[in-house]
């Protein structure tokens, strides 16, 4: 499988697992954010932001990616993005992070739905219709099946894309964002791991 296809396959896992988190009536995947304690024998120990430490099985089917920082200026009309945001005092959505998808992943996880990156946060996976420069960053007019919204992206907000990674990057101290399914005895089966690389931590 080519590097590009590996990234796309991992993106599919990430977005579909995220959708399942909100929609599935079966065992729901969870989003785990934290720092790697250790990785050995296929078991990843992660100290979560909530304070507990969990074990996640990293299997051959587990997608592993890192994030690469890009510029806000790299977001153009026609880009397909995932923007996590919270409403400001005026009700306008302000981005906390933006993920720019590769073109081959266009349409993945499309829509606007609740997210768990802070109080009242949401995720919008959508096409960028217009980009308007403002005094506090850029306003992205986003459209998706069934709706549209505008998200302000301040200049200091992380803007990233995904790049291929491997188990070699799963080292102690690295920040991670993981989509995983609860298993037995409090452990998890990893669906997707996004790991810090070159000092760029997963902002999602």
N, C-alpha and C. Protein backbone atom coordinates (compact mmCIF):
# COMPACT_ATOMS: atom_id res chain seq x y z
N UNK A 1 0.86 -1.20 0.00
CA UNK A 1 0.00 0.00 0.00
C UNK A 1 0.89 1.24 0.00
N UNK A 2 0.58 2.23 -0.82
CA UNK A 2 1.38 3.44 -0.90
C UNK A 2 1.20 4.27 0.36
N UNK A 3 2.14 5.22 0.58
CA UNK A 3 2.05 6.09 1.75
C UNK A 3 0.75 6.87 1.72
N UNK A 4 0.38 7.37 0.53
CA UNK A 4 -0.84 8.17 0.44
C UNK A 4 -2.06 7.34 0.80
N UNK A 5 -2.10 6.11 0.33
CA UNK A 5 -3.24 5.25 0.62
C UNK A 5 -3.29 4.89 2.10
N UNK A 6 -2.11 4.73 2.72
CA UNK A 6 -2.09 4.44 4.15
C UNK A 6 -2.69 5.59 4.93
N UNK A 7 -2.35 6.82 4.54
CA UNK A 7 -2.90 7.98 5.23
C UNK A 7 -4.41 8.03 5.06
N UNK A 8 -4.87 7.81 3.82
CA UNK A 8 -6.31 7.85 3.56
C UNK A 8 -7.03 6.76 4.34
N UNK A 9 -6.46 5.55 4.37
CA UNK A 9 -7.09 4.46 5.11
C UNK A 9 -7.19 4.81 6.59
N UNK A 10 -6.15 5.44 7.12
CA UNK A 10 -6.18 5.82 8.52
C UNK A 10 -7.20 6.92 8.76
N UNK A 11 -7.32 7.84 7.81
CA UNK A 11 -8.32 8.89 7.94
C UNK A 11 -9.71 8.32 7.94
N UNK A 12 -9.94 7.31 7.11
CA UNK A 12 -11.24 6.65 7.09
C UNK A 12 -11.55 6.07 8.46
N UNK A 13 -10.55 5.39 9.04
CA UNK A 13 -10.73 4.82 10.37
C UNK A 13 -11.06 5.90 11.38
N UNK A 14 -10.30 7.00 11.32
CA UNK A 14 -10.49 8.08 12.28
C UNK A 14 -11.87 8.69 12.18
N UNK A 15 -12.29 9.04 10.97
CA UNK A 15 -13.56 9.73 10.82
C UNK A 15 -14.74 8.82 11.07
N UNK A 16 -14.67 7.59 10.59
CA UNK A 16 -15.78 6.68 10.80
C UNK A 16 -15.91 6.31 12.27
N UNK A 17 -14.78 6.14 12.93
CA UNK A 17 -14.83 5.84 14.36
C UNK A 17 -15.41 7.02 15.13
N UNK A 18 -15.08 8.24 14.70
CA UNK A 18 -15.63 9.41 15.36
C UNK A 18 -17.13 9.48 15.17
N UNK A 19 -17.60 9.18 13.97
CA UNK A 19 -19.03 9.18 13.72
C UNK A 19 -19.72 8.10 14.55
N UNK A 20 -19.07 6.95 14.65
CA UNK A 20 -19.65 5.86 15.43
C UNK A 20 -19.77 6.24 16.90
N UNK A 21 -18.83 7.05 17.36
CA UNK A 21 -18.86 7.51 18.76
C UNK A 21 -20.19 8.18 19.08
N UNK A 22 -20.70 8.93 18.09
CA UNK A 22 -21.92 9.69 18.33
C UNK A 22 -23.18 8.91 17.95
N UNK A 23 -23.07 7.95 17.04
CA UNK A 23 -24.25 7.37 16.43
C UNK A 23 -24.51 5.91 16.78
N UNK A 24 -23.47 5.15 17.10
CA UNK A 24 -23.65 3.71 17.25
C UNK A 24 -24.39 3.38 18.54
N UNK A 25 -25.25 2.36 18.46
CA UNK A 25 -25.95 1.90 19.65
C UNK A 25 -25.21 0.71 20.28
N UNK A 26 -24.15 0.24 19.61
CA UNK A 26 -23.33 -0.85 20.13
C UNK A 26 -22.23 -0.25 21.01
N UNK A 27 -21.13 -1.00 21.18
CA UNK A 27 -20.02 -0.48 21.96
C UNK A 27 -19.43 0.72 21.23
N UNK A 28 -19.38 1.84 21.91
CA UNK A 28 -18.96 3.08 21.25
C UNK A 28 -17.47 3.33 21.43
N UNK A 29 -16.77 3.62 20.33
CA UNK A 29 -15.37 4.04 20.46
C UNK A 29 -15.26 5.30 21.30
N UNK A 30 -14.14 5.46 21.95
CA UNK A 30 -13.88 6.65 22.75
C UNK A 30 -12.69 7.39 22.19
N UNK A 31 -12.65 8.68 22.47
CA UNK A 31 -11.49 9.49 22.10
C UNK A 31 -10.63 9.64 23.35
N UNK A 32 -9.39 9.24 23.22
CA UNK A 32 -8.46 9.26 24.35
C UNK A 32 -7.35 10.25 24.04
N UNK A 33 -7.16 11.22 24.92
CA UNK A 33 -6.10 12.21 24.76
C UNK A 33 -5.18 12.13 25.96
N UNK A 34 -3.89 12.16 25.71
CA UNK A 34 -2.97 12.09 26.83
C UNK A 34 -1.53 11.97 26.39
N UNK A 35 -0.72 11.34 27.24
CA UNK A 35 0.72 11.23 27.02
C UNK A 35 1.14 9.77 27.17
N UNK A 36 2.00 9.32 26.29
CA UNK A 36 2.47 7.94 26.34
C UNK A 36 3.36 7.71 27.56
N UNK A 37 3.02 6.67 28.30
CA UNK A 37 3.85 6.24 29.43
C UNK A 37 4.86 5.20 28.95
N UNK A 38 4.37 4.23 28.16
CA UNK A 38 5.25 3.19 27.64
C UNK A 38 4.56 2.48 26.48
N UNK A 39 5.36 1.78 25.67
CA UNK A 39 4.83 0.94 24.61
C UNK A 39 5.68 -0.31 24.54
N UNK A 40 5.03 -1.46 24.79
CA UNK A 40 5.75 -2.73 24.81
C UNK A 40 4.80 -3.86 24.49
N UNK A 41 5.27 -4.79 23.66
CA UNK A 41 4.47 -5.96 23.36
C UNK A 41 3.12 -5.67 22.73
N UNK A 42 3.04 -4.57 22.01
CA UNK A 42 1.78 -4.20 21.37
C UNK A 42 0.81 -3.49 22.29
N UNK A 43 1.21 -3.25 23.54
CA UNK A 43 0.35 -2.55 24.49
C UNK A 43 0.87 -1.14 24.75
N UNK A 44 0.01 -0.18 24.52
CA UNK A 44 0.35 1.23 24.71
C UNK A 44 -0.28 1.73 26.01
N UNK A 45 0.57 2.19 26.92
CA UNK A 45 0.11 2.77 28.18
C UNK A 45 0.03 4.28 28.00
N UNK A 46 -1.15 4.83 28.26
CA UNK A 46 -1.36 6.27 28.07
C UNK A 46 -1.94 6.88 29.35
N UNK A 47 -1.28 7.95 29.80
CA UNK A 47 -1.81 8.72 30.94
C UNK A 47 -2.75 9.77 30.38
N UNK A 48 -4.04 9.61 30.67
CA UNK A 48 -5.05 10.48 30.10
C UNK A 48 -5.07 11.84 30.79
N UNK A 49 -5.63 12.81 30.08
CA UNK A 49 -5.78 14.14 30.66
C UNK A 49 -6.64 14.11 31.91
N UNK A 50 -7.55 13.13 31.96
CA UNK A 50 -8.43 13.01 33.11
C UNK A 50 -7.72 12.51 34.35
N UNK A 51 -6.47 12.02 34.19
CA UNK A 51 -5.66 11.62 35.33
C UNK A 51 -5.40 10.14 35.47
N UNK A 52 -6.21 9.29 34.79
CA UNK A 52 -6.00 7.85 34.88
C UNK A 52 -5.09 7.37 33.76
N UNK A 53 -4.56 6.17 33.93
CA UNK A 53 -3.70 5.56 32.92
C UNK A 53 -4.40 4.33 32.36
N UNK A 54 -4.45 4.22 31.04
CA UNK A 54 -5.17 3.13 30.38
C UNK A 54 -4.22 2.37 29.46
N UNK A 55 -4.63 1.13 29.17
CA UNK A 55 -3.87 0.27 28.26
C UNK A 55 -4.62 0.13 26.95
N UNK A 56 -3.94 0.35 25.85
CA UNK A 56 -4.55 0.29 24.52
C UNK A 56 -3.77 -0.70 23.68
N UNK A 57 -4.47 -1.69 23.14
CA UNK A 57 -3.83 -2.68 22.28
C UNK A 57 -3.64 -2.08 20.89
N UNK A 58 -2.39 -2.05 20.43
CA UNK A 58 -2.07 -1.57 19.09
C UNK A 58 -1.86 -2.79 18.21
N UNK A 59 -2.81 -3.03 17.30
CA UNK A 59 -2.79 -4.21 16.46
C UNK A 59 -2.31 -3.89 15.06
N UNK A 60 -2.18 -4.92 14.23
CA UNK A 60 -1.77 -4.69 12.84
C UNK A 60 -2.78 -3.80 12.11
N UNK A 61 -4.04 -3.86 12.55
CA UNK A 61 -5.09 -3.08 11.89
C UNK A 61 -5.20 -1.65 12.42
N UNK A 62 -4.45 -1.34 13.47
CA UNK A 62 -4.51 0.01 14.06
C UNK A 62 -3.78 1.01 13.17
N UNK A 63 -4.48 2.06 12.76
CA UNK A 63 -3.83 3.10 11.96
C UNK A 63 -2.97 3.98 12.84
N UNK A 64 -1.77 4.30 12.36
CA UNK A 64 -0.85 5.16 13.12
C UNK A 64 -0.42 6.31 12.21
N UNK A 65 -0.73 7.52 12.65
CA UNK A 65 -0.34 8.72 11.92
C UNK A 65 0.28 9.72 12.87
N UNK A 66 0.96 10.70 12.31
CA UNK A 66 1.44 11.85 13.05
C UNK A 66 0.79 13.08 12.43
N UNK A 67 0.99 14.23 13.07
CA UNK A 67 0.48 15.47 12.51
C UNK A 67 1.63 16.36 12.07
N UNK A 68 1.41 17.07 11.00
CA UNK A 68 2.38 18.02 10.47
C UNK A 68 1.75 19.40 10.46
N UNK A 69 2.45 20.36 11.01
CA UNK A 69 1.92 21.72 11.04
C UNK A 69 1.98 22.34 9.65
N UNK A 70 0.89 23.01 9.27
CA UNK A 70 0.87 23.78 8.03
C UNK A 70 0.37 25.19 8.37
N UNK A 71 0.31 26.04 7.38
CA UNK A 71 -0.05 27.44 7.61
C UNK A 71 -1.55 27.68 7.40
N UNK A 72 -2.07 28.65 8.12
CA UNK A 72 -3.46 29.05 7.91
C UNK A 72 -3.67 29.45 6.46
N UNK A 73 -2.65 30.04 5.86
CA UNK A 73 -2.74 30.47 4.46
C UNK A 73 -2.86 29.29 3.50
N UNK A 74 -2.53 28.09 3.98
CA UNK A 74 -2.65 26.90 3.13
C UNK A 74 -4.10 26.47 2.93
N UNK A 75 -5.01 26.99 3.75
CA UNK A 75 -6.43 26.67 3.59
C UNK A 75 -7.01 27.57 2.52
N UNK A 76 -7.47 26.96 1.43
CA UNK A 76 -7.97 27.69 0.28
C UNK A 76 -9.43 27.31 0.02
N UNK A 77 -10.16 28.12 -0.73
CA UNK A 77 -11.48 27.68 -1.18
C UNK A 77 -11.36 26.35 -1.91
N UNK A 78 -12.21 25.41 -1.55
CA UNK A 78 -12.12 24.08 -2.13
C UNK A 78 -11.42 23.07 -1.24
N UNK A 79 -10.71 23.55 -0.19
CA UNK A 79 -10.10 22.62 0.76
C UNK A 79 -11.21 21.88 1.51
N UNK A 80 -10.90 20.66 1.95
CA UNK A 80 -11.83 19.91 2.79
C UNK A 80 -11.19 19.81 4.17
N UNK A 81 -11.89 20.32 5.19
CA UNK A 81 -11.29 20.45 6.50
C UNK A 81 -12.18 19.88 7.60
N UNK A 82 -11.56 19.63 8.73
CA UNK A 82 -12.28 19.32 9.96
C UNK A 82 -11.92 20.39 10.98
N UNK A 83 -12.90 21.17 11.42
CA UNK A 83 -12.64 22.28 12.33
C UNK A 83 -13.36 22.05 13.66
N UNK A 84 -12.59 21.91 14.72
CA UNK A 84 -13.17 21.86 16.06
C UNK A 84 -13.30 23.28 16.55
N UNK A 85 -14.48 23.64 17.08
CA UNK A 85 -14.72 25.03 17.45
C UNK A 85 -15.65 25.13 18.64
N UNK A 86 -15.65 26.30 19.25
CA UNK A 86 -16.59 26.62 20.32
C UNK A 86 -17.23 27.96 20.01
N UNK A 87 -18.47 28.18 20.46
CA UNK A 87 -19.12 29.46 20.18
C UNK A 87 -18.57 30.57 21.06
N UNK A 88 -18.38 31.75 20.45
CA UNK A 88 -17.95 32.91 21.20
C UNK A 88 -19.13 33.62 21.83
N UNK A 89 -18.89 34.75 22.51
CA UNK A 89 -19.98 35.50 23.15
C UNK A 89 -21.08 35.91 22.17
N UNK A 90 -20.69 36.14 20.90
CA UNK A 90 -21.66 36.54 19.89
C UNK A 90 -22.29 35.34 19.19
N UNK A 91 -21.93 34.12 19.64
CA UNK A 91 -22.47 32.92 19.04
C UNK A 91 -21.69 32.43 17.85
N UNK A 92 -20.74 33.22 17.37
CA UNK A 92 -19.94 32.82 16.21
C UNK A 92 -18.94 31.75 16.61
N UNK A 93 -18.79 30.74 15.75
CA UNK A 93 -17.86 29.65 16.03
C UNK A 93 -16.42 30.11 15.87
N UNK A 94 -15.60 29.80 16.88
CA UNK A 94 -14.18 30.11 16.83
C UNK A 94 -13.40 28.82 16.92
N UNK A 95 -12.52 28.59 15.97
CA UNK A 95 -11.80 27.32 15.88
C UNK A 95 -10.80 27.15 17.01
N UNK A 96 -10.70 25.91 17.49
CA UNK A 96 -9.66 25.52 18.43
C UNK A 96 -8.54 24.79 17.72
N UNK A 97 -8.87 24.19 16.58
CA UNK A 97 -7.89 23.54 15.71
C UNK A 97 -8.55 23.27 14.38
N UNK A 98 -7.71 23.12 13.33
CA UNK A 98 -8.22 22.78 12.01
C UNK A 98 -7.33 21.69 11.41
N UNK A 99 -7.98 20.62 10.94
CA UNK A 99 -7.29 19.54 10.24
C UNK A 99 -7.63 19.67 8.76
N UNK A 100 -6.62 19.79 7.91
CA UNK A 100 -6.83 19.84 6.47
C UNK A 100 -6.65 18.43 5.91
N UNK A 101 -7.71 17.88 5.34
CA UNK A 101 -7.68 16.53 4.80
C UNK A 101 -7.00 16.51 3.43
N UNK A 102 -6.31 15.43 3.10
CA UNK A 102 -5.84 15.27 1.72
C UNK A 102 -7.04 15.10 0.80
N UNK A 103 -6.87 15.46 -0.45
CA UNK A 103 -7.98 15.46 -1.39
C UNK A 103 -8.64 14.09 -1.49
N UNK A 104 -7.85 13.03 -1.40
CA UNK A 104 -8.40 11.67 -1.53
C UNK A 104 -9.35 11.32 -0.39
N UNK A 105 -9.32 12.10 0.70
CA UNK A 105 -10.19 11.83 1.85
C UNK A 105 -11.39 12.77 1.89
N UNK A 106 -11.62 13.49 0.81
CA UNK A 106 -12.76 14.41 0.77
C UNK A 106 -14.07 13.67 1.07
N UNK A 107 -14.89 14.25 1.93
CA UNK A 107 -16.18 13.67 2.27
C UNK A 107 -16.17 12.81 3.53
N UNK A 108 -14.98 12.51 4.06
CA UNK A 108 -14.91 11.68 5.25
C UNK A 108 -15.52 12.40 6.46
N UNK A 109 -16.44 11.73 7.14
CA UNK A 109 -17.03 12.27 8.36
C UNK A 109 -17.78 13.58 8.16
N UNK A 110 -18.27 13.81 6.95
CA UNK A 110 -18.89 15.09 6.62
C UNK A 110 -20.07 15.40 7.54
N UNK A 111 -20.13 16.65 7.98
CA UNK A 111 -21.25 17.08 8.81
C UNK A 111 -20.80 17.98 9.95
N UNK A 112 -21.78 18.36 10.76
CA UNK A 112 -21.54 19.20 11.93
C UNK A 112 -22.14 18.50 13.13
N UNK A 113 -21.30 18.20 14.16
CA UNK A 113 -21.77 17.43 15.29
C UNK A 113 -20.98 17.77 16.55
N UNK A 114 -21.50 17.33 17.68
CA UNK A 114 -20.86 17.62 18.96
C UNK A 114 -19.48 16.97 19.02
N UNK A 115 -18.57 17.64 19.71
CA UNK A 115 -17.20 17.15 19.88
C UNK A 115 -16.86 17.26 21.36
N UNK A 116 -15.76 16.69 21.77
CA UNK A 116 -15.42 16.68 23.20
C UNK A 116 -14.09 17.36 23.48
N UNK A 117 -13.86 18.48 22.80
CA UNK A 117 -12.64 19.24 23.00
C UNK A 117 -12.98 20.53 23.74
N UNK A 118 -13.60 20.38 24.90
CA UNK A 118 -14.00 21.52 25.69
C UNK A 118 -15.51 21.69 25.70
N UNK A 119 -15.97 22.55 26.59
CA UNK A 119 -17.40 22.78 26.77
C UNK A 119 -18.03 23.36 25.51
N UNK A 120 -19.16 22.78 25.09
CA UNK A 120 -19.93 23.24 23.94
C UNK A 120 -19.16 23.18 22.62
N UNK A 121 -18.13 22.34 22.57
CA UNK A 121 -17.35 22.26 21.33
C UNK A 121 -18.08 21.42 20.29
N UNK A 122 -17.76 21.71 19.04
CA UNK A 122 -18.35 20.99 17.92
C UNK A 122 -17.27 20.68 16.89
N UNK A 123 -17.58 19.77 15.99
CA UNK A 123 -16.69 19.46 14.88
C UNK A 123 -17.46 19.66 13.59
N UNK A 124 -16.85 20.35 12.64
CA UNK A 124 -17.43 20.51 11.32
C UNK A 124 -16.45 19.97 10.29
N UNK A 125 -16.83 18.88 9.62
CA UNK A 125 -16.06 18.35 8.50
C UNK A 125 -16.77 18.81 7.24
N UNK A 126 -16.12 19.65 6.46
CA UNK A 126 -16.85 20.31 5.39
C UNK A 126 -15.90 20.90 4.34
N UNK A 127 -16.50 21.30 3.24
CA UNK A 127 -15.78 21.99 2.18
C UNK A 127 -15.66 23.47 2.52
N UNK A 128 -14.52 24.04 2.19
CA UNK A 128 -14.33 25.48 2.37
C UNK A 128 -14.85 26.19 1.12
N UNK A 129 -15.90 26.98 1.29
CA UNK A 129 -16.47 27.73 0.16
C UNK A 129 -15.72 29.03 -0.07
N UNK A 130 -15.51 29.77 1.00
CA UNK A 130 -14.79 31.04 0.89
C UNK A 130 -13.87 31.22 2.09
N UNK A 131 -12.81 32.01 1.88
CA UNK A 131 -11.88 32.39 2.95
C UNK A 131 -11.81 33.90 2.97
N UNK A 132 -12.15 34.51 4.11
CA UNK A 132 -12.15 35.97 4.23
C UNK A 132 -11.15 36.38 5.29
N UNK A 133 -10.20 37.22 4.93
CA UNK A 133 -9.21 37.71 5.88
C UNK A 133 -9.85 38.73 6.82
N UNK A 134 -9.63 38.55 8.11
CA UNK A 134 -10.17 39.48 9.09
C UNK A 134 -9.08 40.02 9.99
N UNK A 135 -9.47 40.80 10.99
CA UNK A 135 -8.49 41.38 11.90
C UNK A 135 -7.98 40.37 12.91
N UNK A 136 -8.73 39.25 13.10
CA UNK A 136 -8.33 38.24 14.09
C UNK A 136 -8.21 36.87 13.44
N UNK A 137 -7.61 36.81 12.26
CA UNK A 137 -7.45 35.54 11.56
C UNK A 137 -8.26 35.52 10.28
N UNK A 138 -8.84 34.37 10.00
CA UNK A 138 -9.62 34.21 8.77
C UNK A 138 -10.96 33.56 9.08
N UNK A 139 -11.97 33.98 8.34
CA UNK A 139 -13.28 33.36 8.44
C UNK A 139 -13.44 32.35 7.32
N UNK A 140 -13.75 31.11 7.68
CA UNK A 140 -13.99 30.06 6.70
C UNK A 140 -15.49 29.82 6.59
N UNK A 141 -16.03 29.99 5.40
CA UNK A 141 -17.43 29.63 5.15
C UNK A 141 -17.42 28.16 4.73
N UNK A 142 -18.04 27.31 5.54
CA UNK A 142 -18.01 25.87 5.34
C UNK A 142 -19.38 25.35 4.94
N UNK A 143 -19.40 24.43 4.00
CA UNK A 143 -20.67 23.81 3.61
C UNK A 143 -20.53 22.29 3.65
N UNK A 144 -21.60 21.65 4.10
CA UNK A 144 -21.65 20.20 4.21
C UNK A 144 -23.07 19.77 3.87
N UNK A 145 -23.27 18.48 3.69
CA UNK A 145 -24.60 17.99 3.36
C UNK A 145 -25.57 18.37 4.47
N UNK A 146 -26.58 19.13 4.11
CA UNK A 146 -27.58 19.51 5.09
C UNK A 146 -27.36 20.82 5.78
N UNK A 147 -26.26 21.52 5.49
CA UNK A 147 -26.08 22.79 6.17
C UNK A 147 -24.78 23.50 5.85
N UNK A 148 -24.56 24.59 6.56
CA UNK A 148 -23.34 25.37 6.40
C UNK A 148 -23.12 26.19 7.66
N UNK A 149 -21.90 26.63 7.87
CA UNK A 149 -21.62 27.56 8.95
C UNK A 149 -20.33 28.30 8.66
N UNK A 150 -20.05 29.29 9.47
CA UNK A 150 -18.82 30.07 9.33
C UNK A 150 -18.00 29.91 10.60
N UNK A 151 -16.72 29.61 10.43
CA UNK A 151 -15.82 29.42 11.56
C UNK A 151 -14.68 30.42 11.45
N UNK A 152 -14.47 31.18 12.51
CA UNK A 152 -13.31 32.07 12.56
C UNK A 152 -12.10 31.29 13.04
N UNK A 153 -10.99 31.40 12.32
CA UNK A 153 -9.76 30.70 12.68
C UNK A 153 -8.72 31.76 13.08
N UNK A 154 -8.47 31.95 14.39
CA UNK A 154 -7.44 32.90 14.81
C UNK A 154 -6.06 32.49 14.32
N UNK A 155 -5.17 33.44 14.25
CA UNK A 155 -3.84 33.17 13.70
C UNK A 155 -3.01 32.23 14.58
N UNK A 156 -3.37 32.11 15.87
CA UNK A 156 -2.58 31.26 16.77
C UNK A 156 -3.15 29.85 16.92
N UNK A 157 -4.19 29.52 16.16
CA UNK A 157 -4.82 28.20 16.27
C UNK A 157 -4.02 27.17 15.46
N UNK A 158 -3.80 25.96 16.01
CA UNK A 158 -3.08 24.93 15.25
C UNK A 158 -3.81 24.54 13.97
N UNK A 159 -3.07 24.52 12.87
CA UNK A 159 -3.57 24.03 11.59
C UNK A 159 -2.64 22.91 11.16
N UNK A 160 -3.20 21.72 10.98
CA UNK A 160 -2.35 20.54 10.73
C UNK A 160 -2.94 19.68 9.61
N UNK A 161 -2.09 18.78 9.14
CA UNK A 161 -2.55 17.69 8.28
C UNK A 161 -1.92 16.42 8.83
N UNK A 162 -2.39 15.27 8.35
CA UNK A 162 -1.86 13.99 8.83
C UNK A 162 -0.79 13.45 7.89
N UNK A 163 0.23 12.84 8.49
CA UNK A 163 1.29 12.19 7.73
C UNK A 163 1.50 10.79 8.30
N UNK A 164 2.02 9.86 7.50
CA UNK A 164 2.22 8.49 7.99
C UNK A 164 3.19 8.44 9.16
N UNK A 165 2.95 7.51 10.06
CA UNK A 165 3.84 7.29 11.19
C UNK A 165 3.94 5.79 11.42
N UNK A 166 4.64 5.38 12.48
CA UNK A 166 4.82 3.96 12.75
C UNK A 166 4.96 3.74 14.25
N UNK A 167 5.06 2.48 14.63
CA UNK A 167 5.22 2.15 16.05
C UNK A 167 6.50 2.73 16.63
N UNK A 168 7.48 3.01 15.77
CA UNK A 168 8.73 3.57 16.26
C UNK A 168 8.54 4.94 16.91
N UNK A 169 7.44 5.62 16.55
CA UNK A 169 7.18 6.94 17.12
C UNK A 169 6.41 6.88 18.43
N UNK A 170 6.00 5.68 18.85
CA UNK A 170 5.22 5.54 20.08
C UNK A 170 6.16 5.43 21.28
N UNK A 171 6.75 6.55 21.64
CA UNK A 171 7.74 6.57 22.72
C UNK A 171 7.23 7.41 23.89
N UNK A 172 7.77 7.11 25.06
CA UNK A 172 7.33 7.77 26.30
C UNK A 172 7.45 9.29 26.19
N UNK A 173 6.42 9.96 26.69
CA UNK A 173 6.42 11.42 26.70
C UNK A 173 5.71 12.06 25.53
N UNK A 174 5.44 11.28 24.47
CA UNK A 174 4.76 11.83 23.30
C UNK A 174 3.26 12.02 23.59
N UNK A 175 2.71 13.10 23.09
CA UNK A 175 1.27 13.34 23.19
C UNK A 175 0.55 12.52 22.12
N UNK A 176 -0.64 12.03 22.45
CA UNK A 176 -1.40 11.22 21.51
C UNK A 176 -2.89 11.57 21.54
N UNK A 177 -3.52 11.34 20.40
CA UNK A 177 -4.98 11.36 20.28
C UNK A 177 -5.34 10.00 19.71
N UNK A 178 -6.23 9.29 20.41
CA UNK A 178 -6.52 7.90 20.05
C UNK A 178 -8.02 7.68 19.99
N UNK A 179 -8.47 6.98 18.96
CA UNK A 179 -9.83 6.47 18.90
C UNK A 179 -9.74 4.99 19.21
N UNK A 180 -10.40 4.54 20.27
CA UNK A 180 -10.28 3.16 20.72
C UNK A 180 -11.61 2.64 21.23
N UNK A 181 -11.78 1.33 21.12
CA UNK A 181 -13.01 0.67 21.56
C UNK A 181 -12.78 -0.02 22.90
N UNK A 182 -13.63 0.22 23.88
CA UNK A 182 -13.47 -0.45 25.17
C UNK A 182 -13.46 -1.96 25.02
N UNK A 183 -12.52 -2.61 25.70
CA UNK A 183 -12.41 -4.08 25.69
C UNK A 183 -12.63 -4.58 27.12
N UNK A 184 -12.00 -5.69 27.47
CA UNK A 184 -12.20 -6.28 28.79
C UNK A 184 -11.30 -5.63 29.84
N UNK A 185 -11.78 -5.65 31.07
CA UNK A 185 -11.00 -5.24 32.24
C UNK A 185 -10.45 -3.82 32.13
N UNK A 186 -11.22 -2.93 31.50
CA UNK A 186 -10.81 -1.54 31.43
C UNK A 186 -9.81 -1.21 30.35
N UNK A 187 -9.39 -2.20 29.56
CA UNK A 187 -8.45 -1.97 28.47
C UNK A 187 -9.20 -1.53 27.21
N UNK A 188 -8.45 -1.21 26.17
CA UNK A 188 -9.04 -0.75 24.92
C UNK A 188 -8.36 -1.42 23.72
N UNK A 189 -9.11 -1.50 22.63
CA UNK A 189 -8.54 -1.91 21.35
C UNK A 189 -8.38 -0.65 20.51
N UNK A 190 -7.16 -0.38 20.08
CA UNK A 190 -6.90 0.84 19.34
C UNK A 190 -7.38 0.76 17.89
N UNK A 191 -8.16 1.75 17.48
CA UNK A 191 -8.57 1.87 16.08
C UNK A 191 -7.64 2.80 15.32
N UNK A 192 -7.32 3.91 15.94
CA UNK A 192 -6.49 4.93 15.31
C UNK A 192 -5.66 5.65 16.35
N UNK A 193 -4.37 5.80 16.06
CA UNK A 193 -3.47 6.54 16.94
C UNK A 193 -2.87 7.70 16.14
N UNK A 194 -2.99 8.90 16.67
CA UNK A 194 -2.30 10.06 16.10
C UNK A 194 -1.29 10.52 17.14
N UNK A 195 -0.01 10.49 16.79
CA UNK A 195 1.05 10.71 17.75
C UNK A 195 1.85 11.97 17.43
N UNK A 196 2.35 12.60 18.48
CA UNK A 196 3.22 13.76 18.34
C UNK A 196 4.48 13.38 17.57
N UNK A 197 4.93 14.30 16.71
CA UNK A 197 6.17 14.07 15.98
C UNK A 197 6.81 15.42 15.66
N UNK A 198 8.12 15.50 15.82
CA UNK A 198 8.86 16.73 15.55
C UNK A 198 8.28 17.91 16.33
N UNK A 199 7.81 17.62 17.54
CA UNK A 199 7.30 18.68 18.41
C UNK A 199 5.89 19.13 18.12
N UNK A 200 5.23 18.50 17.15
CA UNK A 200 3.85 18.89 16.81
C UNK A 200 2.91 17.86 17.42
N UNK A 201 2.13 18.28 18.42
CA UNK A 201 1.21 17.39 19.11
C UNK A 201 -0.15 17.42 18.44
N UNK A 202 -0.88 16.30 18.48
CA UNK A 202 -2.24 16.27 17.91
C UNK A 202 -3.13 17.28 18.62
N UNK A 203 -3.69 18.25 17.90
CA UNK A 203 -4.51 19.27 18.55
C UNK A 203 -5.98 18.88 18.67
N UNK A 204 -6.37 17.77 18.01
CA UNK A 204 -7.79 17.41 18.00
C UNK A 204 -8.22 16.67 19.25
